[in-house]
Amino acid sequence: MNNRIDHIAIGAANLEQGQAALRDILGVTVPPGGKHEAMSTHNCVMQTGNQTFLEIIAIDPDAPAPGRVRWFSLDDDATRDRIAQRPRALCWVVGTDDLDAVVAASPIDLGEVIELSRGGRSWRLTVPRDGHLPEGGLLPAFIEWSPGPHPSQGQQDLGVRLQSVVLTHPRPAELNGTLVALGIDHLARVDQGPAGLSFAVDTPDGPAVID
């Protein structure tokens, strides 16, 4: 399996809040992206180098109720309270060329595999049925894109580069063991501490951290 970081997701109460907060951190404004009709969410996106991208995601106030629990725990009261205070690093997403094999080999329940499309592209993504984030976002969602250029190639490049995904956990060896079992231990750094997720990036103004 060819597993690699695909994108990082920042949850926001609304896209304007997310853009403003990340402008303060990154020195750039993340451009508008599109809508996810199946989830009643929308986003802003930009390249972060090496075929990765950053996504600000929020509930779309103009969309009807999705008829299911939204992804990235956006319907969870605790998540809503957290992102009401400020945007948060919610999740990292790992791209793979064999999603079925990842799901079959996983030591944890990654959820159902849903199929989505927009324009001429489609993708398959793991989404827990209750919308939660595995290990509170410390474990990633997995995505498999349809053949074609990576979506980041069609996004704006504003000079921000993802350097590392940083995970903190009170039992780092235990978390790292799960990453090894998933074949992704080389994609994130695991430190000891209270459970947390952050993204180290380089910006036109220097290094920054999104947490």
N, C-alpha and C. Protein backbone atom coordinates (compact mmCIF):
# COMPACT_ATOMS: atom_id res chain seq x y z
N MET A 1 0.84 -1.19 0.00
CA MET A 1 0.00 0.00 0.00
C MET A 1 0.87 1.25 0.00
N ASN A 2 0.49 2.22 -0.77
CA ASN A 2 1.19 3.49 -0.84
C ASN A 2 0.41 4.51 -0.01
N ASN A 3 0.78 4.66 1.27
CA ASN A 3 0.09 5.58 2.15
C ASN A 3 0.89 6.87 2.29
N ARG A 4 0.21 8.00 2.23
CA ARG A 4 0.86 9.31 2.28
C ARG A 4 -0.12 10.32 2.85
N ILE A 5 0.39 11.41 3.38
CA ILE A 5 -0.51 12.46 3.85
C ILE A 5 -1.20 13.08 2.65
N ASP A 6 -2.52 13.17 2.72
CA ASP A 6 -3.30 13.75 1.64
C ASP A 6 -3.69 15.19 1.96
N HIS A 7 -4.31 15.40 3.12
CA HIS A 7 -4.62 16.77 3.52
C HIS A 7 -4.85 16.86 5.01
N ILE A 8 -4.89 18.08 5.50
CA ILE A 8 -5.16 18.35 6.91
C ILE A 8 -6.43 19.18 6.99
N ALA A 9 -7.24 18.88 8.01
CA ALA A 9 -8.56 19.51 8.13
C ALA A 9 -8.63 20.37 9.39
N ILE A 10 -9.04 21.62 9.19
CA ILE A 10 -9.22 22.57 10.28
C ILE A 10 -10.71 22.84 10.41
N GLY A 11 -11.28 22.56 11.58
CA GLY A 11 -12.70 22.79 11.79
C GLY A 11 -12.96 24.21 12.24
N ALA A 12 -14.04 24.80 11.73
CA ALA A 12 -14.39 26.17 12.08
C ALA A 12 -15.89 26.29 12.26
N ALA A 13 -16.31 27.25 13.08
CA ALA A 13 -17.73 27.50 13.26
C ALA A 13 -18.35 28.00 11.97
N ASN A 14 -17.57 28.74 11.19
CA ASN A 14 -17.97 29.16 9.85
C ASN A 14 -16.69 29.47 9.07
N LEU A 15 -16.80 29.53 7.77
CA LEU A 15 -15.59 29.69 6.96
C LEU A 15 -14.92 31.04 7.17
N GLU A 16 -15.70 32.07 7.42
CA GLU A 16 -15.12 33.39 7.64
C GLU A 16 -14.25 33.39 8.90
N GLN A 17 -14.76 32.74 9.95
CA GLN A 17 -13.97 32.62 11.18
C GLN A 17 -12.68 31.87 10.91
N GLY A 18 -12.77 30.77 10.16
CA GLY A 18 -11.60 29.98 9.84
C GLY A 18 -10.58 30.76 9.02
N GLN A 19 -11.05 31.47 8.01
CA GLN A 19 -10.13 32.25 7.18
C GLN A 19 -9.42 33.33 8.00
N ALA A 20 -10.16 34.01 8.86
CA ALA A 20 -9.57 35.09 9.66
C ALA A 20 -8.52 34.55 10.62
N ALA A 21 -8.83 33.43 11.29
CA ALA A 21 -7.89 32.87 12.25
C ALA A 21 -6.62 32.37 11.56
N LEU A 22 -6.77 31.69 10.42
CA LEU A 22 -5.59 31.18 9.73
C LEU A 22 -4.80 32.30 9.06
N ARG A 23 -5.47 33.40 8.71
CA ARG A 23 -4.75 34.56 8.18
C ARG A 23 -3.78 35.09 9.23
N ASP A 24 -4.22 35.09 10.50
CA ASP A 24 -3.35 35.55 11.57
C ASP A 24 -2.17 34.61 11.78
N ILE A 25 -2.39 33.30 11.58
CA ILE A 25 -1.34 32.32 11.81
C ILE A 25 -0.40 32.20 10.61
N LEU A 26 -0.98 32.18 9.42
CA LEU A 26 -0.22 31.86 8.21
C LEU A 26 0.18 33.08 7.38
N GLY A 27 -0.52 34.18 7.58
CA GLY A 27 -0.25 35.37 6.79
C GLY A 27 -0.84 35.35 5.40
N VAL A 28 -1.73 34.38 5.13
CA VAL A 28 -2.40 34.28 3.83
C VAL A 28 -3.87 33.95 4.06
N THR A 29 -4.69 34.24 3.07
CA THR A 29 -6.12 33.93 3.15
C THR A 29 -6.40 32.67 2.34
N VAL A 30 -6.91 31.64 3.01
CA VAL A 30 -7.21 30.37 2.34
C VAL A 30 -8.41 30.59 1.42
N PRO A 31 -8.29 30.32 0.12
CA PRO A 31 -9.36 30.61 -0.83
C PRO A 31 -10.57 29.69 -0.67
N PRO A 32 -11.74 30.16 -1.08
CA PRO A 32 -12.95 29.32 -1.05
C PRO A 32 -12.76 28.07 -1.89
N GLY A 33 -13.38 26.98 -1.44
CA GLY A 33 -13.32 25.71 -2.16
C GLY A 33 -14.66 25.36 -2.75
N GLY A 34 -15.35 24.38 -2.16
CA GLY A 34 -16.64 23.95 -2.70
C GLY A 34 -17.53 23.41 -1.61
N LYS A 35 -18.59 22.74 -2.04
CA LYS A 35 -19.59 22.19 -1.12
C LYS A 35 -19.57 20.67 -1.16
N HIS A 36 -19.95 20.07 -0.02
CA HIS A 36 -20.10 18.62 0.08
C HIS A 36 -21.59 18.37 0.33
N GLU A 37 -22.33 18.13 -0.74
CA GLU A 37 -23.78 18.04 -0.60
C GLU A 37 -24.21 16.89 0.29
N ALA A 38 -23.49 15.78 0.27
CA ALA A 38 -23.88 14.62 1.07
C ALA A 38 -23.74 14.87 2.56
N MET A 39 -22.89 15.84 2.93
CA MET A 39 -22.62 16.11 4.34
C MET A 39 -23.11 17.48 4.78
N SER A 40 -23.58 18.29 3.85
CA SER A 40 -24.02 19.66 4.14
C SER A 40 -22.91 20.46 4.81
N THR A 41 -21.71 20.34 4.25
CA THR A 41 -20.57 21.12 4.68
C THR A 41 -19.97 21.83 3.47
N HIS A 42 -19.09 22.79 3.74
CA HIS A 42 -18.34 23.43 2.66
C HIS A 42 -16.95 23.77 3.18
N ASN A 43 -16.07 24.21 2.26
CA ASN A 43 -14.68 24.36 2.69
C ASN A 43 -13.96 25.48 1.96
N CYS A 44 -12.77 25.77 2.47
CA CYS A 44 -11.76 26.58 1.80
C CYS A 44 -10.52 25.70 1.70
N VAL A 45 -9.77 25.81 0.61
CA VAL A 45 -8.63 24.92 0.41
C VAL A 45 -7.46 25.64 -0.25
N MET A 46 -6.26 25.12 0.01
CA MET A 46 -5.06 25.60 -0.69
C MET A 46 -3.98 24.53 -0.61
N GLN A 47 -3.05 24.57 -1.55
CA GLN A 47 -1.92 23.65 -1.56
C GLN A 47 -1.04 23.86 -0.34
N THR A 48 -0.42 22.75 0.13
CA THR A 48 0.60 22.86 1.17
C THR A 48 1.86 22.07 0.80
N GLY A 49 2.08 21.89 -0.50
CA GLY A 49 3.30 21.25 -0.98
C GLY A 49 3.23 19.74 -1.00
N ASN A 50 4.04 19.14 -1.88
CA ASN A 50 4.21 17.68 -1.95
C ASN A 50 2.87 16.97 -2.11
N GLN A 51 2.02 17.51 -2.98
CA GLN A 51 0.70 16.95 -3.24
C GLN A 51 -0.12 16.77 -1.96
N THR A 52 -0.13 17.80 -1.14
CA THR A 52 -1.00 17.86 0.03
C THR A 52 -1.76 19.18 0.01
N PHE A 53 -2.82 19.25 0.80
CA PHE A 53 -3.53 20.53 0.90
C PHE A 53 -4.12 20.72 2.29
N LEU A 54 -4.42 21.96 2.58
CA LEU A 54 -5.07 22.36 3.83
C LEU A 54 -6.53 22.66 3.52
N GLU A 55 -7.41 22.18 4.40
CA GLU A 55 -8.84 22.39 4.24
C GLU A 55 -9.41 23.02 5.52
N ILE A 56 -10.10 24.14 5.37
CA ILE A 56 -10.95 24.66 6.44
C ILE A 56 -12.35 24.12 6.15
N ILE A 57 -12.95 23.44 7.12
CA ILE A 57 -14.26 22.85 6.89
C ILE A 57 -15.25 23.35 7.93
N ALA A 58 -16.48 23.59 7.48
CA ALA A 58 -17.53 24.08 8.38
C ALA A 58 -18.88 23.59 7.88
N ILE A 59 -19.85 23.60 8.76
CA ILE A 59 -21.23 23.30 8.37
C ILE A 59 -21.71 24.39 7.43
N ASP A 60 -22.35 23.99 6.34
CA ASP A 60 -22.88 24.94 5.36
C ASP A 60 -24.25 25.42 5.83
N PRO A 61 -24.38 26.69 6.22
CA PRO A 61 -25.66 27.16 6.76
C PRO A 61 -26.77 27.23 5.72
N ASP A 62 -26.41 27.19 4.44
CA ASP A 62 -27.41 27.28 3.38
C ASP A 62 -27.86 25.90 2.89
N ALA A 63 -27.26 24.86 3.40
CA ALA A 63 -27.58 23.50 2.94
C ALA A 63 -28.66 22.88 3.82
N PRO A 64 -29.47 22.00 3.25
CA PRO A 64 -30.45 21.29 4.07
C PRO A 64 -29.76 20.29 4.99
N ALA A 65 -30.49 19.81 5.99
CA ALA A 65 -29.93 18.78 6.87
C ALA A 65 -29.51 17.58 6.03
N PRO A 66 -28.36 16.98 6.32
CA PRO A 66 -27.84 15.93 5.45
C PRO A 66 -28.55 14.59 5.56
N GLY A 67 -29.35 14.39 6.58
CA GLY A 67 -30.00 13.09 6.73
C GLY A 67 -29.10 12.03 7.33
N ARG A 68 -27.96 12.44 7.81
CA ARG A 68 -27.01 11.55 8.47
C ARG A 68 -26.10 12.43 9.34
N VAL A 69 -25.32 11.79 10.19
CA VAL A 69 -24.36 12.54 11.00
C VAL A 69 -23.23 13.03 10.10
N ARG A 70 -22.84 14.28 10.27
CA ARG A 70 -21.76 14.84 9.45
C ARG A 70 -20.41 14.24 9.87
N TRP A 71 -19.46 14.33 8.95
CA TRP A 71 -18.11 13.85 9.22
C TRP A 71 -17.35 14.83 10.11
N PHE A 72 -16.13 14.42 10.49
CA PHE A 72 -15.21 15.24 11.29
C PHE A 72 -15.82 15.69 12.62
N SER A 73 -16.78 14.96 13.13
CA SER A 73 -17.44 15.23 14.42
C SER A 73 -18.10 16.59 14.48
N LEU A 74 -18.50 17.14 13.33
CA LEU A 74 -19.05 18.49 13.31
C LEU A 74 -20.44 18.59 13.95
N ASP A 75 -21.10 17.46 14.16
CA ASP A 75 -22.38 17.48 14.86
C ASP A 75 -22.23 17.21 16.36
N ASP A 76 -21.02 16.96 16.80
CA ASP A 76 -20.77 16.66 18.21
C ASP A 76 -20.77 17.96 19.02
N ASP A 77 -21.48 17.97 20.14
CA ASP A 77 -21.58 19.19 20.95
C ASP A 77 -20.22 19.67 21.42
N ALA A 78 -19.35 18.74 21.82
CA ALA A 78 -18.02 19.13 22.30
C ALA A 78 -17.21 19.78 21.19
N THR A 79 -17.29 19.23 19.98
CA THR A 79 -16.58 19.83 18.85
C THR A 79 -17.14 21.21 18.55
N ARG A 80 -18.46 21.34 18.54
CA ARG A 80 -19.06 22.65 18.26
C ARG A 80 -18.64 23.70 19.29
N ASP A 81 -18.56 23.29 20.55
CA ASP A 81 -18.12 24.22 21.58
C ASP A 81 -16.67 24.65 21.36
N ARG A 82 -15.82 23.68 20.99
CA ARG A 82 -14.39 23.97 20.79
C ARG A 82 -14.18 24.91 19.60
N ILE A 83 -14.84 24.63 18.49
CA ILE A 83 -14.60 25.47 17.32
C ILE A 83 -15.35 26.80 17.40
N ALA A 84 -16.32 26.90 18.31
CA ALA A 84 -16.95 28.20 18.54
C ALA A 84 -15.95 29.16 19.17
N GLN A 85 -15.03 28.62 19.97
CA GLN A 85 -14.00 29.44 20.61
C GLN A 85 -12.97 29.91 19.59
N ARG A 86 -12.53 28.99 18.73
CA ARG A 86 -11.57 29.29 17.66
C ARG A 86 -11.48 28.07 16.77
N PRO A 87 -11.02 28.23 15.53
CA PRO A 87 -10.82 27.06 14.68
C PRO A 87 -9.81 26.10 15.29
N ARG A 88 -9.98 24.82 14.99
CA ARG A 88 -9.14 23.78 15.59
C ARG A 88 -8.63 22.81 14.53
N ALA A 89 -7.44 22.27 14.76
CA ALA A 89 -6.96 21.14 13.97
C ALA A 89 -7.84 19.94 14.34
N LEU A 90 -8.65 19.49 13.39
CA LEU A 90 -9.61 18.42 13.68
C LEU A 90 -9.10 17.04 13.28
N CYS A 91 -8.46 16.95 12.12
CA CYS A 91 -8.17 15.63 11.58
C CYS A 91 -7.09 15.72 10.52
N TRP A 92 -6.35 14.64 10.36
CA TRP A 92 -5.47 14.52 9.19
C TRP A 92 -5.99 13.36 8.35
N VAL A 93 -5.78 13.46 7.07
CA VAL A 93 -6.34 12.50 6.13
C VAL A 93 -5.19 11.88 5.34
N VAL A 94 -5.17 10.55 5.32
CA VAL A 94 -4.11 9.81 4.64
C VAL A 94 -4.64 9.26 3.32
N GLY A 95 -3.93 9.53 2.26
CA GLY A 95 -4.27 8.98 0.96
C GLY A 95 -3.67 7.60 0.78
N THR A 96 -4.42 6.72 0.14
CA THR A 96 -3.94 5.36 -0.09
C THR A 96 -4.39 4.90 -1.47
N ASP A 97 -3.68 3.94 -2.03
CA ASP A 97 -4.08 3.39 -3.32
C ASP A 97 -4.83 2.07 -3.16
N ASP A 98 -5.10 1.67 -1.89
CA ASP A 98 -5.85 0.42 -1.65
C ASP A 98 -6.64 0.58 -0.36
N LEU A 99 -7.73 1.34 -0.42
CA LEU A 99 -8.52 1.63 0.77
C LEU A 99 -9.12 0.37 1.38
N ASP A 100 -9.55 -0.54 0.55
CA ASP A 100 -10.16 -1.77 1.07
C ASP A 100 -9.15 -2.56 1.90
N ALA A 101 -7.91 -2.60 1.46
CA ALA A 101 -6.87 -3.32 2.21
C ALA A 101 -6.59 -2.63 3.54
N VAL A 102 -6.58 -1.31 3.55
CA VAL A 102 -6.36 -0.56 4.79
C VAL A 102 -7.46 -0.90 5.80
N VAL A 103 -8.70 -0.84 5.34
CA VAL A 103 -9.84 -1.11 6.23
C VAL A 103 -9.78 -2.55 6.76
N ALA A 104 -9.45 -3.49 5.89
CA ALA A 104 -9.42 -4.90 6.28
C ALA A 104 -8.32 -5.18 7.30
N ALA A 105 -7.19 -4.47 7.18
CA ALA A 105 -6.05 -4.74 8.06
C ALA A 105 -6.06 -3.90 9.33
N SER A 106 -6.94 -2.94 9.42
CA SER A 106 -6.92 -2.00 10.54
C SER A 106 -7.27 -2.69 11.87
N PRO A 107 -6.52 -2.38 12.93
CA PRO A 107 -6.85 -2.94 14.24
C PRO A 107 -7.99 -2.21 14.93
N ILE A 108 -8.45 -1.10 14.35
CA ILE A 108 -9.58 -0.36 14.90
C ILE A 108 -10.65 -0.22 13.82
N ASP A 109 -11.85 0.10 14.24
CA ASP A 109 -12.94 0.31 13.30
C ASP A 109 -12.80 1.70 12.69
N LEU A 110 -12.51 1.75 11.40
CA LEU A 110 -12.36 3.03 10.71
C LEU A 110 -13.69 3.57 10.22
N GLY A 111 -14.76 2.80 10.38
CA GLY A 111 -16.07 3.25 9.93
C GLY A 111 -16.42 2.70 8.57
N GLU A 112 -17.43 3.27 7.99
CA GLU A 112 -17.85 2.83 6.66
C GLU A 112 -17.07 3.58 5.58
N VAL A 113 -17.00 2.99 4.41
CA VAL A 113 -16.38 3.65 3.26
C VAL A 113 -17.49 4.28 2.45
N ILE A 114 -17.47 5.59 2.34
CA ILE A 114 -18.48 6.30 1.56
C ILE A 114 -17.87 6.78 0.26
N GLU A 115 -18.70 6.90 -0.75
CA GLU A 115 -18.25 7.35 -2.07
C GLU A 115 -18.86 8.71 -2.35
N LEU A 116 -18.02 9.64 -2.77
CA LEU A 116 -18.44 11.01 -3.03
C LEU A 116 -17.87 11.46 -4.37
N SER A 117 -18.45 12.50 -4.92
CA SER A 117 -17.94 13.02 -6.19
C SER A 117 -18.25 14.52 -6.28
N ARG A 118 -17.44 15.20 -7.06
CA ARG A 118 -17.66 16.60 -7.37
C ARG A 118 -17.03 16.87 -8.72
N GLY A 119 -17.78 17.43 -9.65
CA GLY A 119 -17.24 17.64 -10.98
C GLY A 119 -16.85 16.32 -11.60
N GLY A 120 -15.64 16.25 -12.09
CA GLY A 120 -15.20 15.03 -12.74
C GLY A 120 -14.42 14.11 -11.83
N ARG A 121 -14.32 14.44 -10.54
CA ARG A 121 -13.54 13.61 -9.63
C ARG A 121 -14.44 12.90 -8.63
N SER A 122 -14.01 11.72 -8.22
CA SER A 122 -14.70 10.99 -7.18
C SER A 122 -13.67 10.49 -6.18
N TRP A 123 -14.14 10.17 -4.99
CA TRP A 123 -13.24 9.65 -3.99
C TRP A 123 -14.01 8.78 -3.00
N ARG A 124 -13.27 7.90 -2.34
CA ARG A 124 -13.80 7.03 -1.30
C ARG A 124 -13.09 7.39 0.00
N LEU A 125 -13.86 7.46 1.09
CA LEU A 125 -13.34 7.97 2.35
C LEU A 125 -13.91 7.18 3.51
N THR A 126 -13.09 6.93 4.53
CA THR A 126 -13.58 6.27 5.74
C THR A 126 -14.25 7.30 6.64
N VAL A 127 -15.48 7.00 7.05
CA VAL A 127 -16.24 7.89 7.93
C VAL A 127 -16.95 7.02 8.98
N PRO A 128 -16.58 7.13 10.26
CA PRO A 128 -17.32 6.39 11.28
C PRO A 128 -18.81 6.71 11.22
N ARG A 129 -19.63 5.71 11.46
CA ARG A 129 -21.08 5.87 11.29
C ARG A 129 -21.68 6.93 12.21
N ASP A 130 -21.06 7.13 13.38
CA ASP A 130 -21.59 8.14 14.28
C ASP A 130 -20.89 9.49 14.12
N GLY A 131 -20.04 9.60 13.11
CA GLY A 131 -19.39 10.87 12.81
C GLY A 131 -18.21 11.22 13.69
N HIS A 132 -17.83 10.34 14.62
CA HIS A 132 -16.73 10.69 15.53
C HIS A 132 -15.40 10.63 14.79
N LEU A 133 -14.36 11.18 15.40
CA LEU A 133 -13.01 11.11 14.88
C LEU A 133 -12.26 10.02 15.65
N PRO A 134 -11.69 9.03 14.97
CA PRO A 134 -10.95 7.98 15.68
C PRO A 134 -9.86 8.56 16.59
N GLU A 135 -9.89 8.16 17.84
CA GLU A 135 -8.95 8.70 18.85
C GLU A 135 -8.99 10.23 18.87
N GLY A 136 -10.18 10.79 18.69
CA GLY A 136 -10.33 12.24 18.75
C GLY A 136 -9.58 12.99 17.67
N GLY A 137 -9.29 12.32 16.54
CA GLY A 137 -8.55 12.95 15.45
C GLY A 137 -7.08 12.60 15.42
N LEU A 138 -6.60 11.88 16.44
CA LEU A 138 -5.20 11.46 16.43
C LEU A 138 -4.95 10.40 15.37
N LEU A 139 -5.94 9.58 15.11
CA LEU A 139 -5.85 8.63 13.99
C LEU A 139 -6.56 9.23 12.80
N PRO A 140 -6.02 9.05 11.61
CA PRO A 140 -6.56 9.75 10.45
C PRO A 140 -7.77 9.08 9.83
N ALA A 141 -8.44 9.84 8.99
CA ALA A 141 -9.35 9.25 8.00
C ALA A 141 -8.48 8.82 6.82
N PHE A 142 -8.99 7.87 6.04
CA PHE A 142 -8.26 7.40 4.85
C PHE A 142 -9.09 7.70 3.61
N ILE A 143 -8.39 8.12 2.55
CA ILE A 143 -9.06 8.51 1.32
C ILE A 143 -8.38 7.84 0.13
N GLU A 144 -9.20 7.47 -0.86
CA GLU A 144 -8.68 6.93 -2.12
C GLU A 144 -9.34 7.71 -3.25
N TRP A 145 -8.54 8.44 -4.01
CA TRP A 145 -9.04 9.26 -5.11
C TRP A 145 -9.18 8.45 -6.39
N SER A 146 -10.09 8.85 -7.23
CA SER A 146 -10.18 8.26 -8.56
C SER A 146 -8.93 8.65 -9.35
N PRO A 147 -8.61 7.91 -10.42
CA PRO A 147 -7.40 8.22 -11.19
C PRO A 147 -7.40 9.66 -11.70
N GLY A 148 -6.21 10.25 -11.70
CA GLY A 148 -6.07 11.61 -12.19
C GLY A 148 -5.12 12.40 -11.31
N PRO A 149 -4.84 13.64 -11.69
CA PRO A 149 -3.95 14.48 -10.88
C PRO A 149 -4.51 14.68 -9.48
N HIS A 150 -3.62 14.82 -8.51
CA HIS A 150 -4.07 15.08 -7.15
C HIS A 150 -4.82 16.42 -7.11
N PRO A 151 -5.93 16.50 -6.35
CA PRO A 151 -6.73 17.73 -6.33
C PRO A 151 -5.94 18.98 -5.95
N SER A 152 -4.87 18.81 -5.18
CA SER A 152 -4.08 19.98 -4.78
C SER A 152 -3.51 20.72 -5.98
N GLN A 153 -3.32 20.02 -7.09
CA GLN A 153 -2.72 20.66 -8.26
C GLN A 153 -3.62 21.73 -8.86
N GLY A 154 -4.92 21.67 -8.57
CA GLY A 154 -5.83 22.69 -9.06
C GLY A 154 -6.10 23.79 -8.06
N GLN A 155 -5.41 23.75 -6.92
CA GLN A 155 -5.62 24.73 -5.86
C GLN A 155 -4.53 25.79 -5.88
N GLN A 156 -4.81 26.92 -5.23
CA GLN A 156 -3.83 28.00 -5.19
C GLN A 156 -2.64 27.63 -4.31
N ASP A 157 -1.47 28.06 -4.73
CA ASP A 157 -0.24 27.88 -3.96
C ASP A 157 0.15 29.24 -3.41
N LEU A 158 -0.02 29.41 -2.11
CA LEU A 158 0.27 30.70 -1.46
C LEU A 158 1.54 30.63 -0.61
N GLY A 159 2.33 29.61 -0.85
CA GLY A 159 3.64 29.54 -0.21
C GLY A 159 3.67 28.86 1.15
N VAL A 160 2.58 28.22 1.56
CA VAL A 160 2.54 27.50 2.83
C VAL A 160 2.90 26.04 2.57
N ARG A 161 3.75 25.48 3.42
CA ARG A 161 4.19 24.10 3.25
C ARG A 161 4.00 23.32 4.55
N LEU A 162 3.32 22.20 4.45
CA LEU A 162 3.16 21.31 5.60
C LEU A 162 4.49 20.62 5.88
N GLN A 163 4.96 20.74 7.13
CA GLN A 163 6.22 20.11 7.53
C GLN A 163 6.01 18.82 8.30
N SER A 164 5.03 18.80 9.20
CA SER A 164 4.80 17.58 9.96
C SER A 164 3.45 17.59 10.65
N VAL A 165 2.93 16.39 10.84
CA VAL A 165 1.75 16.16 11.69
C VAL A 165 2.29 15.74 13.05
N VAL A 166 1.87 16.42 14.11
CA VAL A 166 2.38 16.14 15.45
C VAL A 166 1.22 15.66 16.32
N LEU A 167 1.39 14.49 16.91
CA LEU A 167 0.39 13.89 17.78
C LEU A 167 0.95 13.81 19.19
N THR A 168 0.17 14.22 20.17
CA THR A 168 0.57 14.02 21.56
C THR A 168 -0.44 13.09 22.23
N HIS A 169 0.08 12.23 23.10
CA HIS A 169 -0.77 11.22 23.73
C HIS A 169 -0.13 10.82 25.06
N PRO A 170 -0.95 10.57 26.09
CA PRO A 170 -0.37 10.18 27.38
C PRO A 170 0.37 8.84 27.32
N ARG A 171 0.04 7.99 26.34
CA ARG A 171 0.73 6.71 26.15
C ARG A 171 1.21 6.64 24.70
N PRO A 172 2.28 7.36 24.40
CA PRO A 172 2.71 7.48 23.01
C PRO A 172 3.06 6.15 22.35
N ALA A 173 3.64 5.22 23.12
CA ALA A 173 4.01 3.93 22.52
C ALA A 173 2.78 3.18 22.05
N GLU A 174 1.70 3.29 22.81
CA GLU A 174 0.46 2.63 22.43
C GLU A 174 -0.10 3.23 21.13
N LEU A 175 -0.12 4.55 21.06
CA LEU A 175 -0.61 5.20 19.83
C LEU A 175 0.29 4.86 18.65
N ASN A 176 1.59 4.89 18.87
CA ASN A 176 2.51 4.58 17.77
C ASN A 176 2.33 3.16 17.28
N GLY A 177 1.99 2.24 18.19
CA GLY A 177 1.75 0.86 17.78
C GLY A 177 0.58 0.75 16.82
N THR A 178 -0.46 1.57 17.07
CA THR A 178 -1.60 1.57 16.15
C THR A 178 -1.19 2.15 14.80
N LEU A 179 -0.37 3.20 14.81
CA LEU A 179 0.11 3.78 13.56
C LEU A 179 0.93 2.76 12.77
N VAL A 180 1.75 1.98 13.47
CA VAL A 180 2.54 0.94 12.81
C VAL A 180 1.62 -0.08 12.16
N ALA A 181 0.60 -0.50 12.90
CA ALA A 181 -0.34 -1.50 12.36
C ALA A 181 -1.06 -0.98 11.13
N LEU A 182 -1.29 0.33 11.09
CA LEU A 182 -1.96 0.94 9.94
C LEU A 182 -0.99 1.26 8.80
N GLY A 183 0.31 1.11 9.04
CA GLY A 183 1.31 1.41 8.02
C GLY A 183 1.52 2.89 7.78
N ILE A 184 1.34 3.69 8.85
CA ILE A 184 1.45 5.15 8.68
C ILE A 184 2.32 5.78 9.76
N ASP A 185 3.11 4.99 10.48
CA ASP A 185 3.93 5.55 11.55
C ASP A 185 4.99 6.51 11.04
N HIS A 186 5.33 6.42 9.75
CA HIS A 186 6.32 7.33 9.17
C HIS A 186 5.73 8.69 8.80
N LEU A 187 4.41 8.84 8.97
CA LEU A 187 3.75 10.06 8.50
C LEU A 187 3.50 11.08 9.61
N ALA A 188 3.72 10.70 10.87
CA ALA A 188 3.44 11.62 11.98
C ALA A 188 4.44 11.42 13.09
N ARG A 189 4.66 12.49 13.86
CA ARG A 189 5.50 12.42 15.05
C ARG A 189 4.60 12.25 16.26
N VAL A 190 4.98 11.36 17.17
CA VAL A 190 4.19 11.10 18.38
C VAL A 190 5.00 11.53 19.59
N ASP A 191 4.45 12.47 20.37
CA ASP A 191 5.08 12.94 21.60
C ASP A 191 4.20 12.61 22.80
N GLN A 192 4.80 12.61 23.97
CA GLN A 192 4.04 12.36 25.18
C GLN A 192 3.42 13.65 25.70
N GLY A 193 2.16 13.54 26.15
CA GLY A 193 1.47 14.69 26.70
C GLY A 193 -0.02 14.48 26.61
N PRO A 194 -0.79 15.48 27.02
CA PRO A 194 -2.24 15.38 26.86
C PRO A 194 -2.60 15.17 25.39
N ALA A 195 -3.65 14.41 25.13
CA ALA A 195 -4.03 14.10 23.75
C ALA A 195 -4.22 15.39 22.95
N GLY A 196 -3.56 15.46 21.80
CA GLY A 196 -3.68 16.66 20.98
C GLY A 196 -3.14 16.44 19.59
N LEU A 197 -3.59 17.27 18.67
CA LEU A 197 -3.20 17.21 17.26
C LEU A 197 -2.77 18.60 16.82
N SER A 198 -1.65 18.67 16.13
CA SER A 198 -1.21 19.96 15.57
C SER A 198 -0.46 19.73 14.27
N PHE A 199 -0.37 20.80 13.50
CA PHE A 199 0.31 20.74 12.20
C PHE A 199 1.39 21.81 12.17
N ALA A 200 2.64 21.39 11.94
CA ALA A 200 3.74 22.32 11.80
C ALA A 200 3.87 22.69 10.32
N VAL A 201 3.92 23.98 10.05
CA VAL A 201 3.98 24.45 8.67
C VAL A 201 5.04 25.53 8.53
N ASP A 202 5.52 25.70 7.31
CA ASP A 202 6.33 26.87 6.96
C ASP A 202 5.44 27.83 6.19
N THR A 203 5.56 29.11 6.45
CA THR A 203 4.77 30.14 5.78
C THR A 203 5.71 31.16 5.17
N PRO A 204 5.20 32.05 4.34
CA PRO A 204 6.07 33.12 3.81
C PRO A 204 6.71 33.97 4.91
N ASP A 205 6.10 33.97 6.10
CA ASP A 205 6.64 34.75 7.22
C ASP A 205 7.43 33.93 8.21
N GLY A 206 7.61 32.62 7.95
CA GLY A 206 8.35 31.77 8.86
C GLY A 206 7.53 30.60 9.38
N PRO A 207 8.10 29.81 10.30
CA PRO A 207 7.40 28.64 10.83
C PRO A 207 6.17 29.02 11.64
N ALA A 208 5.17 28.12 11.63
CA ALA A 208 3.94 28.33 12.40
C ALA A 208 3.36 26.99 12.76
N VAL A 209 2.46 27.01 13.73
CA VAL A 209 1.80 25.79 14.19
C VAL A 209 0.30 26.03 14.20
N ILE A 210 -0.46 25.08 13.67
CA ILE A 210 -1.92 25.10 13.71
C ILE A 210 -2.35 23.99 14.67
N ASP A 211 -3.10 24.34 15.71
CA ASP A 211 -3.52 23.32 16.66
C ASP A 211 -5.00 23.45 16.98
